[in-house]
C-alpha atoms as a PDB file:
ATOM      1  CA  MET A   1      69.951  64.710  91.145  1.00  0.00           C
ATOM      2  CA  ASP A   2      68.335  65.011  94.692  1.00  0.00           C
ATOM      3  CA  ILE A   3      65.022  64.793  95.915  1.00  0.00           C
ATOM      4  CA  ILE A   4      62.947  68.073  96.745  1.00  0.00           C
ATOM      5  CA  LYS A   5      59.633  68.398  98.442  1.00  0.00           C
ATOM      6  CA  ALA A   6      57.074  71.084  98.311  1.00  0.00           C
ATOM      7  CA  VAL A   7      53.757  71.372 100.275  1.00  0.00           C
ATOM      8  CA  THR A   8      50.372  72.576  98.373  1.00  0.00           C
ATOM      9  CA  LYS A   9      47.927  74.779  99.815  1.00  0.00           C
ATOM     10  CA  ARG A  10      45.631  71.871 100.246  1.00  0.00           C
ATOM     11  CA  GLY A  11      48.344  70.291 102.472  1.00  0.00           C
ATOM     12  CA  LEU A  12      49.762  67.522  99.893  1.00  0.00           C
ATOM     13  CA  GLU A  13      53.565  67.049  99.867  1.00  0.00           C
ATOM     14  CA  LEU A  14      54.578  67.014  96.506  1.00  0.00           C
ATOM     15  CA  ARG A  15      58.056  65.416  95.439  1.00  0.00           C
ATOM     16  CA  GLY A  16      60.537  66.126  92.783  1.00  0.00           C
ATOM     17  CA  ALA A  17      63.738  66.110  91.619  1.00  0.00           C
ATOM     18  CA  ILE A  18      66.273  68.946  91.670  1.00  0.00           C
ATOM     19  CA  TYR A  19      69.499  69.159  89.443  1.00  0.00           C
ATOM     20  CA  GLY A  20      71.961  71.800  91.262  1.00  0.00           C
ATOM     21  CA  ASP A  21      71.141  74.096  94.177  1.00  0.00           C
ATOM     22  CA  ASP A  22      70.183  77.513  95.066  1.00  0.00           C
ATOM     23  CA  THR A  23      73.620  79.014  94.620  1.00  0.00           C
ATOM     24  CA  ASN A  24      72.692  79.526  90.952  1.00  0.00           C
ATOM     25  CA  ASP A  25      70.646  82.596  90.131  1.00  0.00           C
ATOM     26  CA  THR A  26      68.590  80.973  87.471  1.00  0.00           C
ATOM     27  CA  VAL A  27      66.205  77.946  87.913  1.00  0.00           C
ATOM     28  CA  LEU A  28      64.131  76.063  85.307  1.00  0.00           C
ATOM     29  CA  VAL A  29      60.937  74.694  86.921  1.00  0.00           C
ATOM     30  CA  MET A  30      60.024  72.051  84.486  1.00  0.00           C
ATOM     31  CA  MET A  31      56.359  70.249  84.738  1.00  0.00           C
ATOM     32  CA  THR A  32      55.991  66.618  83.700  1.00  0.00           C
ATOM     33  CA  GLY A  33      53.432  65.272  81.287  1.00  0.00           C
ATOM     34  CA  ILE A  34      50.736  62.594  81.869  1.00  0.00           C
ATOM     35  CA  CYS A  35      52.188  59.370  83.210  1.00  0.00           C
ATOM     36  CA  SER A  36      55.850  60.664  83.060  1.00  0.00           C
ATOM     37  CA  ASN A  37      58.401  61.569  85.705  1.00  0.00           C
ATOM     38  CA  VAL A  38      62.100  61.892  85.889  1.00  0.00           C
ATOM     39  CA  PHE A  39      62.814  58.212  86.444  1.00  0.00           C
ATOM     40  CA  GLN A  40      61.380  57.014  83.245  1.00  0.00           C
ATOM     41  CA  ASN A  41      61.445  60.017  80.914  1.00  0.00           C
ATOM     42  CA  ASP A  42      65.000  60.537  79.717  1.00  0.00           C
ATOM     43  CA  LEU A  43      64.111  63.814  78.180  1.00  0.00           C
ATOM     44  CA  LEU A  44      63.842  65.427  81.774  1.00  0.00           C
ATOM     45  CA  ASP A  45      66.952  63.919  83.085  1.00  0.00           C
ATOM     46  CA  ALA A  46      69.055  64.950  80.115  1.00  0.00           C
ATOM     47  CA  THR A  47      67.709  68.675  80.489  1.00  0.00           C
ATOM     48  CA  GLY A  48      68.383  68.633  84.048  1.00  0.00           C
ATOM     49  CA  LYS A  49      72.160  67.434  83.660  1.00  0.00           C
ATOM     50  CA  LEU A  50      72.937  69.865  80.759  1.00  0.00           C
ATOM     51  CA  LEU A  51      71.423  72.896  82.183  1.00  0.00           C
ATOM     52  CA  ASN A  52      73.130  72.129  85.642  1.00  0.00           C
ATOM     53  CA  LYS A  53      76.440  71.565  84.248  1.00  0.00           C
ATOM     54  CA  ASN A  54      75.885  75.272  82.498  1.00  0.00           C
ATOM     55  CA  GLY A  55      74.939  77.016  85.776  1.00  0.00           C
ATOM     56  CA  ILE A  56      71.068  76.670  85.689  1.00  0.00           C
ATOM     57  CA  THR A  57      69.376  74.771  88.238  1.00  0.00           C
ATOM     58  CA  VAL A  58      66.574  72.540  87.236  1.00  0.00           C
ATOM     59  CA  ILE A  59      63.633  71.474  89.257  1.00  0.00           C
ATOM     60  CA  ILE A  60      61.455  68.800  87.781  1.00  0.00           C
ATOM     61  CA  GLY A  61      58.099  69.633  89.393  1.00  0.00           C
ATOM     62  CA  HIS A  62      55.831  66.390  89.723  1.00  0.00           C
ATOM     63  CA  ALA A  63      52.184  66.598  90.346  1.00  0.00           C
ATOM     64  CA  SER A  64      50.093  64.339  92.733  1.00  0.00           C
ATOM     65  CA  ASP A  65      51.802  61.012  92.972  1.00  0.00           C
ATOM     66  CA  SER A  66      53.825  61.022  89.745  1.00  0.00           C
ATOM     67  CA  PHE A  67      57.234  61.030  91.724  1.00  0.00           C
ATOM     68  CA  SER A  68      56.516  57.219  92.295  1.00  0.00           C
ATOM     69  CA  CYS A  69      57.187  54.541  89.884  1.00  0.00           C
ATOM     70  CA  PHE A  70      54.597  51.813  89.258  1.00  0.00           C
ATOM     71  CA  ALA A  71      55.574  48.382  87.874  1.00  0.00           C
ATOM     72  CA  TYR A  72      52.987  46.625  85.798  1.00  0.00           C
ATOM     73  CA  THR A  73      53.024  43.810  83.230  1.00  0.00           C
ATOM     74  CA  ASP A  74      52.506  44.653  79.541  1.00  0.00           C
ATOM     75  CA  TRP A  75      51.145  41.738  78.165  1.00  0.00           C
ATOM     76  CA  SER A  76      51.552  43.126  74.471  1.00  0.00           C
ATOM     77  CA  ILE A  77      55.396  42.457  75.091  1.00  0.00           C
ATOM     78  CA  LYS A  78      55.106  40.159  77.837  1.00  0.00           C
ATOM     79  CA  LYS A  79      57.648  42.175  79.889  1.00  0.00           C
ATOM     80  CA  GLN A  80      57.566  44.475  82.909  1.00  0.00           C
ATOM     81  CA  ARG A  81      57.370  48.091  82.575  1.00  0.00           C
ATOM     82  CA  HIS A  82      57.318  51.289  84.623  1.00  0.00           C
ATOM     83  CA  ALA A  83      54.834  54.166  84.633  1.00  0.00           C
ATOM     84  CA  GLY A  84      55.299  57.412  86.389  1.00  0.00           C
ATOM     85  CA  VAL A  85      51.908  57.993  87.594  1.00  0.00           C
ATOM     86  CA  PHE A  86      48.537  56.262  87.449  1.00  0.00           C
ATOM     87  CA  ASN A  87      46.422  58.469  89.623  1.00  0.00           C
ATOM     88  CA  ASP A  88      46.448  62.188  88.856  1.00  0.00           C
ATOM     89  CA  ASP A  89      44.170  64.874  89.769  1.00  0.00           C
ATOM     90  CA  PHE A  90      43.703  67.307  87.076  1.00  0.00           C
ATOM     91  CA  SER A  91      41.410  69.475  88.822  1.00  0.00           C
ATOM     92  CA  VAL A  92      44.295  70.923  91.061  1.00  0.00           C
ATOM     93  CA  VAL A  93      46.723  71.550  88.256  1.00  0.00           C
ATOM     94  CA  TYR A  94      46.944  75.412  88.809  1.00  0.00           C
ATOM     95  CA  GLU A  95      47.771  74.677  92.462  1.00  0.00           C
ATOM     96  CA  ASP A  96      50.603  71.982  91.834  1.00  0.00           C
ATOM     97  CA  VAL A  97      52.341  74.278  89.284  1.00  0.00           C
ATOM     98  CA  GLU A  98      51.978  77.206  91.754  1.00  0.00           C
ATOM     99  CA  THR A  99      53.585  75.113  94.420  1.00  0.00           C
ATOM    100  CA  TRP A 100      56.444  74.511  92.405  1.00  0.00           C
ATOM    101  CA  VAL A 101      57.090  78.064  91.330  1.00  0.00           C
ATOM    102  CA  LEU A 102      56.521  79.329  94.993  1.00  0.00           C
ATOM    103  CA  LYS A 103      59.138  76.657  96.034  1.00  0.00           C
ATOM    104  CA  ALA A 104      61.663  78.327  93.637  1.00  0.00           C
ATOM    105  CA  LYS A 105      61.030  81.755  94.680  1.00  0.00           C
ATOM    106  CA  GLU A 106      61.443  80.637  98.404  1.00  0.00           C
ATOM    107  CA  MET A 107      64.652  79.321  97.674  1.00  0.00           C
ATOM    108  CA  GLY A 108      65.997  82.664  96.369  1.00  0.00           C
ATOM    109  CA  PHE A 109      66.397  82.381  92.802  1.00  0.00           C
ATOM    110  CA  LYS A 110      66.700  85.646  90.876  1.00  0.00           C
ATOM    111  CA  HIS A 111      64.932  84.444  87.674  1.00  0.00           C
ATOM    112  CA  ILE A 112      62.495  81.623  87.367  1.00  0.00           C
ATOM    113  CA  ILE A 113      61.866  79.980  83.834  1.00  0.00           C
ATOM    114  CA  LEU A 114      58.676  77.827  83.751  1.00  0.00           C
ATOM    115  CA  GLY A 115      58.732  74.856  81.354  1.00  0.00           C
ATOM    116  CA  GLY A 116      56.682  71.967  80.502  1.00  0.00           C
ATOM    117  CA  HIS A 117      56.647  68.818  78.266  1.00  0.00           C
ATOM    118  CA  SER A 118      53.587  67.331  76.712  1.00  0.00           C
ATOM    119  CA  LEU A 119      50.688  67.725  79.028  1.00  0.00           C
ATOM    120  CA  GLY A 120      53.083  69.718  81.452  1.00  0.00           C
ATOM    121  CA  SER A 121      53.011  72.306  78.654  1.00  0.00           C
ATOM    122  CA  ASN A 122      49.096  72.559  79.101  1.00  0.00           C
ATOM    123  CA  LYS A 123      49.633  72.728  82.817  1.00  0.00           C
ATOM    124  CA  ILE A 124      51.957  75.815  82.637  1.00  0.00           C
ATOM    125  CA  ILE A 125      49.701  77.410  80.220  1.00  0.00           C
ATOM    126  CA  ASN A 126      46.825  77.181  82.702  1.00  0.00           C
ATOM    127  CA  TYR A 127      48.907  78.710  85.363  1.00  0.00           C
ATOM    128  CA  LEU A 128      50.569  81.378  83.332  1.00  0.00           C
ATOM    129  CA  GLY A 129      47.213  82.347  81.838  1.00  0.00           C
ATOM    130  CA  ASN A 130      45.490  82.744  85.261  1.00  0.00           C
ATOM    131  CA  THR A 131      48.185  83.932  87.776  1.00  0.00           C
ATOM    132  CA  LYS A 132      48.180  87.330  89.100  1.00  0.00           C
ATOM    133  CA  ASP A 133      51.586  87.069  90.144  1.00  0.00           C
ATOM    134  CA  ASP A 134      54.926  87.998  87.896  1.00  0.00           C
ATOM    135  CA  TYR A 135      57.321  85.546  89.364  1.00  0.00           C
ATOM    136  CA  VAL A 136      57.985  83.854  85.992  1.00  0.00           C
ATOM    137  CA  ASP A 137      60.489  85.628  83.723  1.00  0.00           C
ATOM    138  CA  TYR A 138      60.245  83.199  80.734  1.00  0.00           C
ATOM    139  CA  PHE A 139      58.170  80.339  79.574  1.00  0.00           C
ATOM    140  CA  ILE A 140      59.189  77.259  77.363  1.00  0.00           C
ATOM    141  CA  VAL A 141      56.034  75.171  76.106  1.00  0.00           C
ATOM    142  CA  SER A 142      57.224  71.874  74.443  1.00  0.00           C
ATOM    143  CA  CYS A 143      55.051  69.308  72.731  1.00  0.00           C
ATOM    144  CA  PRO A 144      51.650  70.414  74.156  1.00  0.00           C
ATOM    145  CA  ILE A 145      48.564  68.476  73.190  1.00  0.00           C
ATOM    146  CA  ASP A 146      45.018  69.335  71.897  1.00  0.00           C
ATOM    147  CA  ILE A 147      43.223  67.284  74.498  1.00  0.00           C
ATOM    148  CA  MET A 148      39.961  66.710  72.396  1.00  0.00           C
ATOM    149  CA  HIS A 149      42.032  65.710  69.184  1.00  0.00           C
ATOM    150  CA  TRP A 150      44.129  63.279  71.467  1.00  0.00           C
ATOM    151  CA  TRP A 151      40.823  61.687  72.545  1.00  0.00           C
ATOM    152  CA  ARG A 152      40.049  60.976  69.062  1.00  0.00           C
ATOM    153  CA  VAL A 153      43.112  59.285  67.791  1.00  0.00           C
ATOM    154  CA  MET A 154      44.702  57.385  70.615  1.00  0.00           C
ATOM    155  CA  PRO A 155      44.042  53.525  70.820  1.00  0.00           C
ATOM    156  CA  ASN A 156      41.614  52.123  73.356  1.00  0.00           C
ATOM    157  CA  ILE A 157      39.827  55.071  73.757  1.00  0.00           C
ATOM    158  CA  ASP A 158      36.157  53.915  73.323  1.00  0.00           C
ATOM    159  CA  LYS A 159      36.796  50.875  75.294  1.00  0.00           C
ATOM    160  CA  CYS A 160      38.647  52.944  77.914  1.00  0.00           C
ATOM    161  CA  THR A 161      35.758  55.385  78.294  1.00  0.00           C
ATOM    162  CA  GLU A 162      33.124  52.709  78.334  1.00  0.00           C
ATOM    163  CA  MET A 163      34.828  50.836  81.113  1.00  0.00           C
ATOM    164  CA  THR A 164      35.550  53.872  82.914  1.00  0.00           C
ATOM    165  CA  LYS A 165      32.078  55.238  83.309  1.00  0.00           C
ATOM    166  CA  GLN A 166      30.771  51.675  84.362  1.00  0.00           C
ATOM    167  CA  TRP A 167      33.505  51.267  86.937  1.00  0.00           C
ATOM    168  CA  ILE A 168      32.792  54.728  88.445  1.00  0.00           C
ATOM    169  CA  LYS A 169      29.106  54.063  88.504  1.00  0.00           C
ATOM    170  CA  GLU A 170      29.957  50.745  90.495  1.00  0.00           C
ATOM    171  CA  GLY A 171      32.147  52.715  92.961  1.00  0.00           C
ATOM    172  CA  ARG A 172      35.579  51.391  91.239  1.00  0.00           C
ATOM    173  CA  GLY A 173      36.852  54.611  90.414  1.00  0.00           C
ATOM    174  CA  ASP A 174      40.034  54.075  92.280  1.00  0.00           C
ATOM    175  CA  ASP A 175      40.926  50.581  90.647  1.00  0.00           C
ATOM    176  CA  ILE A 176      43.353  50.675  87.715  1.00  0.00           C
ATOM    177  CA  LEU A 177      41.922  49.717  84.183  1.00  0.00           C
ATOM    178  CA  PRO A 178      42.933  46.177  83.023  1.00  0.00           C
ATOM    179  CA  PHE A 179      44.728  47.628  79.874  1.00  0.00           C
ATOM    180  CA  MET A 180      46.908  50.392  78.876  1.00  0.00           C
ATOM    181  CA  PHE A 181      45.287  53.904  78.947  1.00  0.00           C
ATOM    182  CA  GLY A 182      45.838  55.324  75.367  1.00  0.00           C
ATOM    183  CA  GLY A 183      47.989  52.468  74.505  1.00  0.00           C
ATOM    184  CA  PHE A 184      50.860  53.621  76.663  1.00  0.00           C
ATOM    185  CA  SER A 185      50.221  53.511  80.585  1.00  0.00           C
ATOM    186  CA  PRO A 186      48.004  52.208  83.163  1.00  0.00           C
ATOM    187  CA  MET A 187      45.504  54.492  84.825  1.00  0.00           C
ATOM    188  CA  THR A 188      42.597  54.653  87.336  1.00  0.00           C
ATOM    189  CA  ALA A 189      39.249  55.212  86.184  1.00  0.00           C
ATOM    190  CA  ASN A 190      38.654  58.292  88.079  1.00  0.00           C
ATOM    191  CA  ALA A 191      42.156  59.789  86.510  1.00  0.00           C
ATOM    192  CA  VAL A 192      40.723  58.658  83.025  1.00  0.00           C
ATOM    193  CA  MET A 193      37.555  60.734  83.567  1.00  0.00           C
ATOM    194  CA  GLY A 194      39.494  63.486  85.168  1.00  0.00           C
ATOM    195  CA  PHE A 195      41.661  63.899  82.173  1.00  0.00           C
ATOM    196  CA  HIS A 196      38.746  63.724  79.654  1.00  0.00           C
ATOM    197  CA  ASN A 197      36.942  66.371  81.833  1.00  0.00           C
ATOM    198  CA  ALA A 198      39.799  68.767  82.350  1.00  0.00           C
ATOM    199  CA  GLU A 199      38.515  71.764  80.933  1.00  0.00           C
ATOM    200  CA  ASN A 200      41.465  73.595  82.506  1.00  0.00           C
ATOM    201  CA  LEU A 201      43.650  71.930  80.289  1.00  0.00           C
ATOM    202  CA  LYS A 202      42.001  72.260  77.083  1.00  0.00           C
ATOM    203  CA  ASN A 203      44.093  75.465  76.112  1.00  0.00           C
ATOM    204  CA  CYS A 204      45.542  74.160  72.835  1.00  0.00           C
ATOM    205  CA  PRO A 205      42.618  73.653  70.526  1.00  0.00           C
ATOM    206  CA  VAL A 206      44.258  73.998  67.318  1.00  0.00           C
ATOM    207  CA  ILE A 207      42.836  70.872  65.565  1.00  0.00           C
ATOM    208  CA  SER A 208      39.659  70.063  67.455  1.00  0.00           C
ATOM    209  CA  GLY A 209      38.416  73.730  68.083  1.00  0.00           C
ATOM    210  CA  GLN A 210      37.238  72.487  71.371  1.00  0.00           C
ATOM    211  CA  GLY A 211      38.558  74.655  74.310  1.00  0.00           C
ATOM    212  CA  GLU A 212      39.598  78.097  75.130  1.00  0.00           C
ATOM    213  CA  THR A 213      42.491  80.369  74.010  1.00  0.00           C
ATOM    214  CA  GLN A 214      42.175  82.874  76.617  1.00  0.00           C
ATOM    215  CA  SER A 215      44.935  81.307  78.918  1.00  0.00           C
ATOM    216  CA  LEU A 216      47.482  81.796  75.985  1.00  0.00           C
ATOM    217  CA  HIS A 217      46.474  85.440  75.418  1.00  0.00           C
ATOM    218  CA  ASN A 218      46.686  86.178  79.160  1.00  0.00           C
ATOM    219  CA  ILE A 219      50.536  85.252  79.396  1.00  0.00           C
ATOM    220  CA  LYS A 220      52.533  88.088  80.355  1.00  0.00           C
ATOM    221  CA  PRO A 221      56.109  86.993  79.899  1.00  0.00           C
ATOM    222  CA  ALA A 222      57.986  86.059  76.689  1.00  0.00           C
ATOM    223  CA  GLY A 223      58.988  82.488  75.925  1.00  0.00           C
ATOM    224  CA  SER A 224      59.625  79.708  73.413  1.00  0.00           C
ATOM    225  CA  PHE A 225      57.619  77.000  71.831  1.00  0.00           C
ATOM    226  CA  ILE A 226      59.498  73.789  70.932  1.00  0.00           C
ATOM    227  CA  ILE A 227      58.002  70.820  68.847  1.00  0.00           C
ATOM    228  CA  GLY A 228      59.482  67.908  66.966  1.00  0.00           C
ATOM    229  CA  SER A 229      58.691  67.593  63.138  1.00  0.00           C
ATOM    230  CA  LYS A 230      57.439  64.181  63.848  1.00  0.00           C
ATOM    231  CA  ASP A 231      55.104  64.785  66.804  1.00  0.00           C
ATOM    232  CA  SER A 232      52.054  62.701  66.067  1.00  0.00           C
ATOM    233  CA  MET A 233      50.060  64.599  68.758  1.00  0.00           C
ATOM    234  CA  THR A 234      49.751  67.654  66.413  1.00  0.00           C
ATOM    235  CA  GLY A 235      48.442  66.538  63.228  1.00  0.00           C
ATOM    236  CA  ARG A 236      50.542  66.511  60.021  1.00  0.00           C
ATOM    237  CA  LYS A 237      51.884  70.298  60.598  1.00  0.00           C
ATOM    238  CA  PRO A 238      53.726  70.295  64.074  1.00  0.00           C
ATOM    239  CA  LYS A 239      55.322  73.745  63.433  1.00  0.00           C
ATOM    240  CA  ALA A 240      52.071  75.045  62.153  1.00  0.00           C
ATOM    241  CA  PHE A 241      50.493  73.946  65.166  1.00  0.00           C
ATOM    242  CA  MET A 242      52.642  75.788  67.477  1.00  0.00           C
ATOM    243  CA  GLU A 243      52.594  78.843  65.344  1.00  0.00           C
ATOM    244  CA  GLN A 244      48.992  78.932  65.883  1.00  0.00           C
ATOM    245  CA  LEU A 245      49.386  78.728  69.714  1.00  0.00           C
ATOM    246  CA  ASN A 246      51.702  81.524  69.404  1.00  0.00           C
ATOM    247  CA  GLN A 247      49.441  83.691  67.360  1.00  0.00           C
ATOM    248  CA  TRP A 248      46.951  83.379  70.227  1.00  0.00           C
ATOM    249  CA  THR A 249      49.282  85.118  72.866  1.00  0.00           C
ATOM    250  CA  SER A 250      49.190  88.663  73.081  1.00  0.00           C
ATOM    251  CA  HIS A 251      52.639  89.407  71.883  1.00  0.00           C
ATOM    252  CA  PRO A 252      53.748  86.622  69.418  1.00  0.00           C
ATOM    253  CA  GLU A 253      56.402  88.860  68.095  1.00  0.00           C
ATOM    254  CA  LYS A 254      58.447  88.514  71.478  1.00  0.00           C
ATOM    255  CA  ASN A 255      58.198  84.573  71.186  1.00  0.00           C
ATOM    256  CA  GLN A 256      60.026  82.061  69.210  1.00  0.00           C
ATOM    257  CA  VAL A 257      58.686  78.680  67.573  1.00  0.00           C
ATOM    258  CA  ILE A 258      61.349  76.097  67.209  1.00  0.00           C
ATOM    259  CA  GLU A 259      60.890  73.009  65.141  1.00  0.00           C
ATOM    260  CA  VAL A 260      63.611  69.999  65.835  1.00  0.00           C
ATOM    261  CA  GLU A 261      63.905  67.929  62.601  1.00  0.00           C
ATOM    262  CA  GLY A 262      63.210  64.300  63.046  1.00  0.00           C
ATOM    263  CA  ALA A 263      61.919  64.426  66.930  1.00  0.00           C
ATOM    264  CA  SER A 264      59.028  62.618  67.954  1.00  0.00           C
ATOM    265  CA  HIS A 265      56.441  63.620  70.936  1.00  0.00           C
ATOM    266  CA  ILE A 266      58.949  62.322  73.511  1.00  0.00           C
ATOM    267  CA  PHE A 267      62.133  63.193  71.368  1.00  0.00           C
ATOM    268  CA  TYR A 268      63.009  59.559  71.412  1.00  0.00           C
ATOM    269  CA  GLY A 269      66.662  59.177  70.667  1.00  0.00           C
ATOM    270  CA  LYS A 270      67.030  62.848  70.852  1.00  0.00           C
ATOM    271  CA  HIS A 271      66.970  63.795  74.311  1.00  0.00           C
ATOM    272  CA  ASP A 272      70.190  65.495  74.252  1.00  0.00           C
ATOM    273  CA  ILE A 273      69.092  67.629  71.441  1.00  0.00           C
ATOM    274  CA  TYR A 274      66.100  68.628  73.538  1.00  0.00           C
ATOM    275  CA  ALA A 275      67.929  69.595  76.403  1.00  0.00           C
ATOM    276  CA  GLN A 276      70.357  71.617  74.052  1.00  0.00           C
ATOM    277  CA  THR A 277      67.258  73.215  72.454  1.00  0.00           C
ATOM    278  CA  VAL A 278      66.101  74.547  75.730  1.00  0.00           C
ATOM    279  CA  PHE A 279      69.338  75.652  76.965  1.00  0.00           C
ATOM    280  CA  ASP A 280      69.887  77.710  73.678  1.00  0.00           C
ATOM    281  CA  CYS A 281      66.257  79.145  74.404  1.00  0.00           C
ATOM    282  CA  ILE A 282      67.299  80.329  77.626  1.00  0.00           C
ATOM    283  CA  LYS A 283      70.600  81.692  76.554  1.00  0.00           C
ATOM    284  CA  THR A 284      68.723  83.646  73.365  1.00  0.00           C
ATOM    285  CA  ALA A 285      66.331  85.099  75.912  1.00  0.00           C
ATOM    286  CA  SER A 286      69.090  86.594  77.744  1.00  0.00           C
ATOM    287  CA  VAL A 287      67.350  85.552  81.151  1.00  0.00           C
ATOM    288  CA  VAL A 288      70.428  84.337  82.852  1.00  0.00           C
ATOM    289  CA  SER A 289      72.209  87.807  82.299  1.00  0.00           C
ATOM    290  CA  LYS A 290      69.416  90.181  83.270  1.00  0.00           C
END
């Protein structure tokens, strides 16, 4: 793994990770989820290593400051933990994804596959559903979230929302809340409110019914939808959740929906299985042989 950099149109330098180099024909650009990066999400590292071993370069596309690691004390377990990002800007998601796609094109890859995990999937849906370019040959959406459903079921949400509004009112939007956002990561008040108000990412409204489906309908390339059978973010029927997303695309018959038995939202203990599933999707699509 090496460090790779790309500059957005607004002038911000994004940093990511690359497995392999530009001598391969095919690249998977993989966008990370909320509070996630390659250093503390083994799913991303496993995917990068397996695909690179099989002749496919992988670029892990971090947004905003998510390349850095943030150390904090989790008082619930009285230990130090690390998070990937605590201050994201969800209003510029399209530009961040586009930056990594353009970086891949600039490097000369013949085939670009765009993937995402968790909120990273919502990010690539937003890009694919709104871009006029045709640089992406195939997509891989894995474990996306229905944002408004997420806000109803995650812990600390009422407390988090109340404090966030108060801190922003007091001019403390850049301060990190004193407890774990959603029970799993520290986050600034501005980032919390930005996540709640991210209309551009409310593109998987299967459970809540709150959001839009036009982005899914506008996606031009074929792709795969991957979900774990124990994904708690998608209600009681994860595969049905993904099948509904596929039905909202304009060509569902060209896509495939894959449920990985026993896998959770983050594929805990099954990172290698996730990586193999992604690789199998790419092989099945015959992207690398075009």
